[in-house]
Amino acid sequence: MLLEVRDIDTFYGLSHILFQVSLGISEGEIVGILGRNGVGKTTTIRSIMGLSPPRSGSITFDGEEISRKRPFQIARRGIGLAPEDRIIFPDLTVLDNLMFGARKRGHNGKWTLEQVYSVFPILKAREKQRGGTLSGGEQQILCIARALMGNPRLVLLDDPVEGLAPIMIRTLKNQMLLLKQSKITALIAEENSGFIQGVCERVYIMQKGRICWNGDTFKLNEHPEILKEYLGL
């Protein structure tokens, strides 16, 4: 496994948010964390990234323990983050936003500006436009593309389609499928089950801060009663 999360408990102050959460992802996989708002998906992402370190348990990346490292140290080891609130630099152009995140890791320079533009052509069309003038969907695409420009070995996507119009969700889904062909490794936390089922190979379902189900996406597609049981869908 490239990333292994084992039995982590995470707190916000005195509030116990994650309970013995365990998950794993191998290189080249796209894995989803599915659940309603407030069940702990974002906290799981933040725990991996070091923004909300777990109080107990273990997180290893490429065999190295990272649960006590600071976010910038984790980023330097090859984990990129596209956060849920679409943090971009609104006064910088699309091009400047992308170049701000550009980084090569050894010989791994796969994600160049040209490669990003080939997957996200809308960014090429908007490259001289200020980030703050983009639509919500375009800002989300920019946020993901900027994370890729850092050439991470693993990308964490937190609620990538939240608040997007259906047409932008379909656009982002199609572009994620293109990324899948590039053998990207990604962990996606999302409430939209259709999006998760469309792009992920395996899925973890969360309820009340715990993993309550995990398995291959085809099993989830073949057994809709699983979603009904855990998500009320």
C-alpha atoms as a PDB file:
ATOM      1  CA  MET A   1       0.000   0.000   0.000  1.00  0.00           C
ATOM      2  CA  LEU A   2       1.203   3.505  -0.796  1.00  0.00           C
ATOM      3  CA  LEU A   3      -0.940   4.983   1.994  1.00  0.00           C
ATOM      4  CA  GLU A   4      -2.085   3.093   5.088  1.00  0.00           C
ATOM      5  CA  VAL A   5      -4.293   4.639   7.748  1.00  0.00           C
ATOM      6  CA  ARG A   6      -4.620   2.391  10.779  1.00  0.00           C
ATOM      7  CA  ASP A   7      -7.047   2.869  13.658  1.00  0.00           C
ATOM      8  CA  ILE A   8      -6.806   6.650  13.905  1.00  0.00           C
ATOM      9  CA  ASP A   9      -8.797   8.674  16.427  1.00  0.00           C
ATOM     10  CA  THR A  10      -9.002  12.397  15.760  1.00  0.00           C
ATOM     11  CA  PHE A  11     -10.424  15.106  18.011  1.00  0.00           C
ATOM     12  CA  TYR A  12     -11.392  18.758  17.612  1.00  0.00           C
ATOM     13  CA  GLY A  13     -10.759  20.000  21.122  1.00  0.00           C
ATOM     14  CA  LEU A  14     -12.793  17.712  23.362  1.00  0.00           C
ATOM     15  CA  SER A  15     -14.995  16.500  20.496  1.00  0.00           C
ATOM     16  CA  HIS A  16     -14.168  12.983  19.317  1.00  0.00           C
ATOM     17  CA  ILE A  17     -14.621  13.016  15.518  1.00  0.00           C
ATOM     18  CA  LEU A  18     -12.923   9.908  14.071  1.00  0.00           C
ATOM     19  CA  PHE A  19     -13.174   6.507  15.718  1.00  0.00           C
ATOM     20  CA  GLN A  20     -10.617   3.816  14.784  1.00  0.00           C
ATOM     21  CA  VAL A  21     -10.635   4.771  11.101  1.00  0.00           C
ATOM     22  CA  SER A  22      -8.574   2.495   8.852  1.00  0.00           C
ATOM     23  CA  LEU A  23      -8.138   2.603   5.080  1.00  0.00           C
ATOM     24  CA  GLY A  24      -5.529   2.012   2.425  1.00  0.00           C
ATOM     25  CA  ILE A  25      -4.711   2.937  -1.142  1.00  0.00           C
ATOM     26  CA  SER A  26      -2.247   1.379  -3.573  1.00  0.00           C
ATOM     27  CA  GLU A  27      -0.302   3.273  -6.208  1.00  0.00           C
ATOM     28  CA  GLY A  28      -2.387   3.849  -9.341  1.00  0.00           C
ATOM     29  CA  GLU A  29      -5.764   3.516  -7.563  1.00  0.00           C
ATOM     30  CA  ILE A  30      -8.570   6.027  -7.235  1.00  0.00           C
ATOM     31  CA  VAL A  31     -10.383   5.346  -3.967  1.00  0.00           C
ATOM     32  CA  GLY A  32     -13.437   7.096  -2.560  1.00  0.00           C
ATOM     33  CA  ILE A  33     -14.655   7.977   0.924  1.00  0.00           C
ATOM     34  CA  LEU A  34     -18.417   8.308   0.664  1.00  0.00           C
ATOM     35  CA  GLY A  35     -20.784   9.708   3.265  1.00  0.00           C
ATOM     36  CA  ARG A  36     -23.146  12.496   4.199  1.00  0.00           C
ATOM     37  CA  ASN A  37     -21.945  15.882   5.421  1.00  0.00           C
ATOM     38  CA  GLY A  38     -20.580  15.803   8.943  1.00  0.00           C
ATOM     39  CA  VAL A  39     -19.636  12.115   9.115  1.00  0.00           C
ATOM     40  CA  GLY A  40     -15.870  12.684   9.198  1.00  0.00           C
ATOM     41  CA  LYS A  41     -14.765  12.617   5.553  1.00  0.00           C
ATOM     42  CA  THR A  42     -13.036  15.998   5.659  1.00  0.00           C
ATOM     43  CA  THR A  43     -11.481  15.216   9.034  1.00  0.00           C
ATOM     44  CA  THR A  44     -10.025  12.032   7.550  1.00  0.00           C
ATOM     45  CA  ILE A  45      -8.445  14.046   4.726  1.00  0.00           C
ATOM     46  CA  ARG A  46      -7.177  16.648   7.194  1.00  0.00           C
ATOM     47  CA  SER A  47      -5.732  13.932   9.425  1.00  0.00           C
ATOM     48  CA  ILE A  48      -3.762  12.431   6.530  1.00  0.00           C
ATOM     49  CA  MET A  49      -2.485  15.870   5.502  1.00  0.00           C
ATOM     50  CA  GLY A  50      -1.435  16.771   9.047  1.00  0.00           C
ATOM     51  CA  LEU A  51      -3.925  19.630   9.365  1.00  0.00           C
ATOM     52  CA  SER A  52      -5.815  17.794  12.130  1.00  0.00           C
ATOM     53  CA  PRO A  53      -3.320  15.245  13.447  1.00  0.00           C
ATOM     54  CA  PRO A  54      -4.834  12.087  14.952  1.00  0.00           C
ATOM     55  CA  ARG A  55      -4.458  11.609  18.679  1.00  0.00           C
ATOM     56  CA  SER A  56      -3.830   7.897  18.253  1.00  0.00           C
ATOM     57  CA  GLY A  57      -3.302   5.359  15.489  1.00  0.00           C
ATOM     58  CA  SER A  58      -0.882   5.358  12.578  1.00  0.00           C
ATOM     59  CA  ILE A  59      -0.622   6.860   9.082  1.00  0.00           C
ATOM     60  CA  THR A  60       2.160   5.625   6.817  1.00  0.00           C
ATOM     61  CA  PHE A  61       3.030   6.880   3.361  1.00  0.00           C
ATOM     62  CA  ASP A  62       5.370   4.735   1.289  1.00  0.00           C
ATOM     63  CA  GLY A  63       6.310   2.942   4.501  1.00  0.00           C
ATOM     64  CA  GLU A  64       7.117   6.109   6.470  1.00  0.00           C
ATOM     65  CA  GLU A  65       5.124   7.203   9.497  1.00  0.00           C
ATOM     66  CA  ILE A  66       3.675  10.670   8.826  1.00  0.00           C
ATOM     67  CA  SER A  67       0.988  11.063  11.485  1.00  0.00           C
ATOM     68  CA  ARG A  68       3.167  13.376  13.597  1.00  0.00           C
ATOM     69  CA  LYS A  69       4.634  15.395  10.746  1.00  0.00           C
ATOM     70  CA  ARG A  70       3.602  18.931   9.826  1.00  0.00           C
ATOM     71  CA  PRO A  71       1.573  19.622   6.663  1.00  0.00           C
ATOM     72  CA  PHE A  72       4.494  21.121   4.701  1.00  0.00           C
ATOM     73  CA  GLN A  73       6.603  18.051   5.504  1.00  0.00           C
ATOM     74  CA  ILE A  74       3.833  15.747   4.300  1.00  0.00           C
ATOM     75  CA  ALA A  75       3.421  17.797   1.116  1.00  0.00           C
ATOM     76  CA  ARG A  76       7.161  17.544   0.442  1.00  0.00           C
ATOM     77  CA  ARG A  77       6.936  13.770   0.679  1.00  0.00           C
ATOM     78  CA  GLY A  78       4.528  13.720  -2.244  1.00  0.00           C
ATOM     79  CA  ILE A  79       0.944  14.223  -1.060  1.00  0.00           C
ATOM     80  CA  GLY A  80      -1.085  16.965  -2.741  1.00  0.00           C
ATOM     81  CA  LEU A  81      -4.375  18.443  -1.521  1.00  0.00           C
ATOM     82  CA  ALA A  82      -7.310  20.040  -3.321  1.00  0.00           C
ATOM     83  CA  PRO A  83      -9.324  21.307  -0.317  1.00  0.00           C
ATOM     84  CA  GLU A  84     -13.090  21.531  -0.057  1.00  0.00           C
ATOM     85  CA  ASP A  85     -13.207  25.345   0.008  1.00  0.00           C
ATOM     86  CA  ARG A  86     -11.406  25.740  -3.363  1.00  0.00           C
ATOM     87  CA  ILE A  87      -8.578  27.859  -2.046  1.00  0.00           C
ATOM     88  CA  ILE A  88      -6.980  29.679  -4.968  1.00  0.00           C
ATOM     89  CA  PHE A  89      -5.312  33.065  -5.370  1.00  0.00           C
ATOM     90  CA  PRO A  90      -8.210  35.167  -6.678  1.00  0.00           C
ATOM     91  CA  ASP A  91      -6.073  38.108  -7.811  1.00  0.00           C
ATOM     92  CA  LEU A  92      -3.600  35.948  -9.735  1.00  0.00           C
ATOM     93  CA  THR A  93      -4.218  34.640 -13.231  1.00  0.00           C
ATOM     94  CA  VAL A  94      -4.993  31.000 -13.882  1.00  0.00           C
ATOM     95  CA  LEU A  95      -1.476  30.572 -15.248  1.00  0.00           C
ATOM     96  CA  ASP A  96       0.099  32.143 -12.163  1.00  0.00           C
ATOM     97  CA  ASN A  97      -2.017  29.925  -9.884  1.00  0.00           C
ATOM     98  CA  LEU A  98      -0.802  26.851 -11.735  1.00  0.00           C
ATOM     99  CA  MET A  99       2.843  27.870 -11.763  1.00  0.00           C
ATOM    100  CA  PHE A 100       2.696  28.684  -8.061  1.00  0.00           C
ATOM    101  CA  GLY A 101       2.094  24.996  -7.384  1.00  0.00           C
ATOM    102  CA  ALA A 102       4.624  23.685  -9.933  1.00  0.00           C
ATOM    103  CA  ARG A 103       7.228  21.314  -8.578  1.00  0.00           C
ATOM    104  CA  LYS A 104       9.314  18.426  -9.885  1.00  0.00           C
ATOM    105  CA  ARG A 105      10.055  15.435  -7.678  1.00  0.00           C
ATOM    106  CA  GLY A 106      13.296  13.778  -8.769  1.00  0.00           C
ATOM    107  CA  HIS A 107      12.710  12.530 -12.302  1.00  0.00           C
ATOM    108  CA  ASN A 108       8.950  12.703 -11.874  1.00  0.00           C
ATOM    109  CA  GLY A 109       7.892  15.719 -13.890  1.00  0.00           C
ATOM    110  CA  LYS A 110       4.909  14.170 -15.610  1.00  0.00           C
ATOM    111  CA  TRP A 111       2.497  16.973 -14.799  1.00  0.00           C
ATOM    112  CA  THR A 112       3.758  19.896 -16.843  1.00  0.00           C
ATOM    113  CA  LEU A 113       1.694  22.893 -17.822  1.00  0.00           C
ATOM    114  CA  GLU A 114       1.101  21.340 -21.238  1.00  0.00           C
ATOM    115  CA  GLN A 115      -0.094  18.062 -19.715  1.00  0.00           C
ATOM    116  CA  VAL A 116      -2.454  19.854 -17.358  1.00  0.00           C
ATOM    117  CA  TYR A 117      -3.867  21.891 -20.244  1.00  0.00           C
ATOM    118  CA  SER A 118      -4.407  18.706 -22.253  1.00  0.00           C
ATOM    119  CA  VAL A 119      -6.575  17.251 -19.474  1.00  0.00           C
ATOM    120  CA  PHE A 120      -8.231  20.542 -18.472  1.00  0.00           C
ATOM    121  CA  PRO A 121      -8.515  22.560 -21.717  1.00  0.00           C
ATOM    122  CA  ILE A 122     -10.797  25.102 -20.039  1.00  0.00           C
ATOM    123  CA  LEU A 123      -7.768  26.294 -18.054  1.00  0.00           C
ATOM    124  CA  LYS A 124      -5.826  26.935 -21.243  1.00  0.00           C
ATOM    125  CA  ALA A 125      -8.719  29.066 -22.500  1.00  0.00           C
ATOM    126  CA  ARG A 126      -8.775  30.966 -19.194  1.00  0.00           C
ATOM    127  CA  GLU A 127      -5.035  31.170 -18.510  1.00  0.00           C
ATOM    128  CA  LYS A 128      -4.895  34.991 -18.508  1.00  0.00           C
ATOM    129  CA  GLN A 129      -8.083  35.359 -16.475  1.00  0.00           C
ATOM    130  CA  ARG A 130      -7.940  36.128 -12.765  1.00  0.00           C
ATOM    131  CA  GLY A 131      -8.809  33.137 -10.591  1.00  0.00           C
ATOM    132  CA  GLY A 132     -11.475  35.024  -8.682  1.00  0.00           C
ATOM    133  CA  THR A 133     -13.497  35.633 -11.854  1.00  0.00           C
ATOM    134  CA  LEU A 134     -13.860  31.917 -12.669  1.00  0.00           C
ATOM    135  CA  SER A 135     -17.066  30.021 -12.002  1.00  0.00           C
ATOM    136  CA  GLY A 136     -17.210  27.713  -8.996  1.00  0.00           C
ATOM    137  CA  GLY A 137     -16.662  24.674 -11.187  1.00  0.00           C
ATOM    138  CA  GLU A 138     -13.724  26.266 -12.964  1.00  0.00           C
ATOM    139  CA  GLN A 139     -12.170  27.213  -9.636  1.00  0.00           C
ATOM    140  CA  GLN A 140     -12.497  23.607  -8.512  1.00  0.00           C
ATOM    141  CA  ILE A 141     -10.791  22.402 -11.689  1.00  0.00           C
ATOM    142  CA  LEU A 142      -8.032  24.974 -11.126  1.00  0.00           C
ATOM    143  CA  CYS A 143      -7.582  23.776  -7.552  1.00  0.00           C
ATOM    144  CA  ILE A 144      -7.178  20.153  -8.689  1.00  0.00           C
ATOM    145  CA  ALA A 145      -4.858  21.127 -11.550  1.00  0.00           C
ATOM    146  CA  ARG A 146      -2.661  23.183  -9.224  1.00  0.00           C
ATOM    147  CA  ALA A 147      -2.317  20.167  -6.928  1.00  0.00           C
ATOM    148  CA  LEU A 148      -1.241  18.059  -9.918  1.00  0.00           C
ATOM    149  CA  MET A 149       1.377  20.637 -10.896  1.00  0.00           C
ATOM    150  CA  GLY A 150       3.205  19.679  -7.718  1.00  0.00           C
ATOM    151  CA  ASN A 151       3.646  16.181  -9.219  1.00  0.00           C
ATOM    152  CA  PRO A 152       2.437  14.397  -6.087  1.00  0.00           C
ATOM    153  CA  ARG A 153       2.405  10.632  -5.758  1.00  0.00           C
ATOM    154  CA  LEU A 154      -1.009  10.892  -4.070  1.00  0.00           C
ATOM    155  CA  VAL A 155      -3.712  13.544  -4.477  1.00  0.00           C
ATOM    156  CA  LEU A 156      -6.361  14.133  -1.808  1.00  0.00           C
ATOM    157  CA  LEU A 157      -9.614  15.621  -3.133  1.00  0.00           C
ATOM    158  CA  ASP A 158     -12.060  16.921  -0.551  1.00  0.00           C
ATOM    159  CA  ASP A 159     -15.684  17.336  -1.740  1.00  0.00           C
ATOM    160  CA  PRO A 160     -14.637  18.182  -5.323  1.00  0.00           C
ATOM    161  CA  VAL A 161     -18.189  18.491  -6.703  1.00  0.00           C
ATOM    162  CA  GLU A 162     -19.917  20.130  -3.746  1.00  0.00           C
ATOM    163  CA  GLY A 163     -22.094  22.999  -4.930  1.00  0.00           C
ATOM    164  CA  LEU A 164     -21.392  22.430  -8.617  1.00  0.00           C
ATOM    165  CA  ALA A 165     -24.056  22.463 -11.308  1.00  0.00           C
ATOM    166  CA  PRO A 166     -24.837  19.053 -12.887  1.00  0.00           C
ATOM    167  CA  ILE A 167     -23.098  19.991 -16.145  1.00  0.00           C
ATOM    168  CA  MET A 168     -19.898  20.857 -14.257  1.00  0.00           C
ATOM    169  CA  ILE A 169     -20.135  17.618 -12.278  1.00  0.00           C
ATOM    170  CA  ARG A 170     -20.279  15.689 -15.553  1.00  0.00           C
ATOM    171  CA  THR A 171     -17.327  17.696 -16.878  1.00  0.00           C
ATOM    172  CA  LEU A 172     -15.236  17.023 -13.786  1.00  0.00           C
ATOM    173  CA  LYS A 173     -16.211  13.343 -13.847  1.00  0.00           C
ATOM    174  CA  ASN A 174     -15.033  13.028 -17.464  1.00  0.00           C
ATOM    175  CA  GLN A 175     -11.773  14.759 -16.615  1.00  0.00           C
ATOM    176  CA  MET A 176     -11.220  12.491 -13.620  1.00  0.00           C
ATOM    177  CA  LEU A 177     -11.610   9.528 -15.973  1.00  0.00           C
ATOM    178  CA  LEU A 178      -8.856  11.036 -18.126  1.00  0.00           C
ATOM    179  CA  LEU A 179      -6.693  11.331 -15.023  1.00  0.00           C
ATOM    180  CA  LYS A 180      -7.471   7.692 -14.258  1.00  0.00           C
ATOM    181  CA  GLN A 181      -5.977   6.719 -17.620  1.00  0.00           C
ATOM    182  CA  SER A 182      -2.813   8.532 -16.526  1.00  0.00           C
ATOM    183  CA  LYS A 183      -2.528   6.141 -13.555  1.00  0.00           C
ATOM    184  CA  ILE A 184      -3.024   8.912 -11.026  1.00  0.00           C
ATOM    185  CA  THR A 185      -3.328   7.878  -7.375  1.00  0.00           C
ATOM    186  CA  ALA A 186      -6.136   9.721  -5.612  1.00  0.00           C
ATOM    187  CA  LEU A 187      -8.290   9.594  -2.504  1.00  0.00           C
ATOM    188  CA  ILE A 188     -11.621  11.386  -2.961  1.00  0.00           C
ATOM    189  CA  ALA A 189     -13.912  12.352  -0.073  1.00  0.00           C
ATOM    190  CA  GLU A 190     -17.361  13.092  -1.453  1.00  0.00           C
ATOM    191  CA  GLU A 191     -21.096  13.030  -0.672  1.00  0.00           C
ATOM    192  CA  ASN A 192     -22.156  12.556  -4.308  1.00  0.00           C
ATOM    193  CA  SER A 193     -22.471   8.777  -4.704  1.00  0.00           C
ATOM    194  CA  GLY A 194     -22.882   8.944  -8.497  1.00  0.00           C
ATOM    195  CA  PHE A 195     -19.574  10.768  -8.869  1.00  0.00           C
ATOM    196  CA  ILE A 196     -17.754   8.339  -6.571  1.00  0.00           C
ATOM    197  CA  GLN A 197     -19.235   5.289  -8.290  1.00  0.00           C
ATOM    198  CA  GLY A 198     -18.293   6.720 -11.682  1.00  0.00           C
ATOM    199  CA  VAL A 199     -14.589   7.323 -11.036  1.00  0.00           C
ATOM    200  CA  CYS A 200     -13.431   5.197  -8.089  1.00  0.00           C
ATOM    201  CA  GLU A 201     -12.277   1.588  -8.039  1.00  0.00           C
ATOM    202  CA  ARG A 202     -12.902   1.032  -4.340  1.00  0.00           C
ATOM    203  CA  VAL A 203     -15.110   2.812  -1.835  1.00  0.00           C
ATOM    204  CA  TYR A 204     -15.189   3.333   1.916  1.00  0.00           C
ATOM    205  CA  ILE A 205     -18.519   4.456   3.398  1.00  0.00           C
ATOM    206  CA  MET A 206     -18.473   6.520   6.591  1.00  0.00           C
ATOM    207  CA  GLN A 207     -21.094   7.037   9.280  1.00  0.00           C
ATOM    208  CA  LYS A 208     -20.636   9.015  12.496  1.00  0.00           C
ATOM    209  CA  GLY A 209     -16.864   9.063  12.284  1.00  0.00           C
ATOM    210  CA  ARG A 210     -16.435   5.376  11.499  1.00  0.00           C
ATOM    211  CA  ILE A 211     -15.865   3.259   8.393  1.00  0.00           C
ATOM    212  CA  CYS A 212     -19.026   1.145   8.175  1.00  0.00           C
ATOM    213  CA  TRP A 213     -18.490  -0.521   4.772  1.00  0.00           C
ATOM    214  CA  ASN A 214     -15.747  -0.922   2.212  1.00  0.00           C
ATOM    215  CA  GLY A 215     -15.466  -2.801  -1.052  1.00  0.00           C
ATOM    216  CA  ASP A 216     -15.108  -2.648  -4.811  1.00  0.00           C
ATOM    217  CA  THR A 217     -17.226  -0.147  -6.713  1.00  0.00           C
ATOM    218  CA  PHE A 218     -18.789  -2.832  -8.906  1.00  0.00           C
ATOM    219  CA  LYS A 219     -20.251  -4.422  -5.770  1.00  0.00           C
ATOM    220  CA  LEU A 220     -21.719  -1.080  -4.765  1.00  0.00           C
ATOM    221  CA  ASN A 221     -23.187  -0.665  -8.256  1.00  0.00           C
ATOM    222  CA  GLU A 222     -24.650  -4.194  -8.190  1.00  0.00           C
ATOM    223  CA  HIS A 223     -26.158  -3.804  -4.712  1.00  0.00           C
ATOM    224  CA  PRO A 224     -27.939  -0.436  -4.369  1.00  0.00           C
ATOM    225  CA  GLU A 225     -29.324  -1.612  -1.038  1.00  0.00           C
ATOM    226  CA  ILE A 226     -25.905  -0.867   0.455  1.00  0.00           C
ATOM    227  CA  LEU A 227     -26.330   2.839  -0.291  1.00  0.00           C
ATOM    228  CA  LYS A 228     -29.881   2.710   1.030  1.00  0.00           C
ATOM    229  CA  GLU A 229     -28.747   1.104   4.258  1.00  0.00           C
ATOM    230  CA  TYR A 230     -25.870   3.461   4.994  1.00  0.00           C
ATOM    231  CA  LEU A 231     -26.817   6.679   3.201  1.00  0.00           C
ATOM    232  CA  GLY A 232     -30.583   6.436   2.930  1.00  0.00           C
ATOM    233  CA  LEU A 233     -30.389   6.653  -0.906  1.00  0.00           C
END
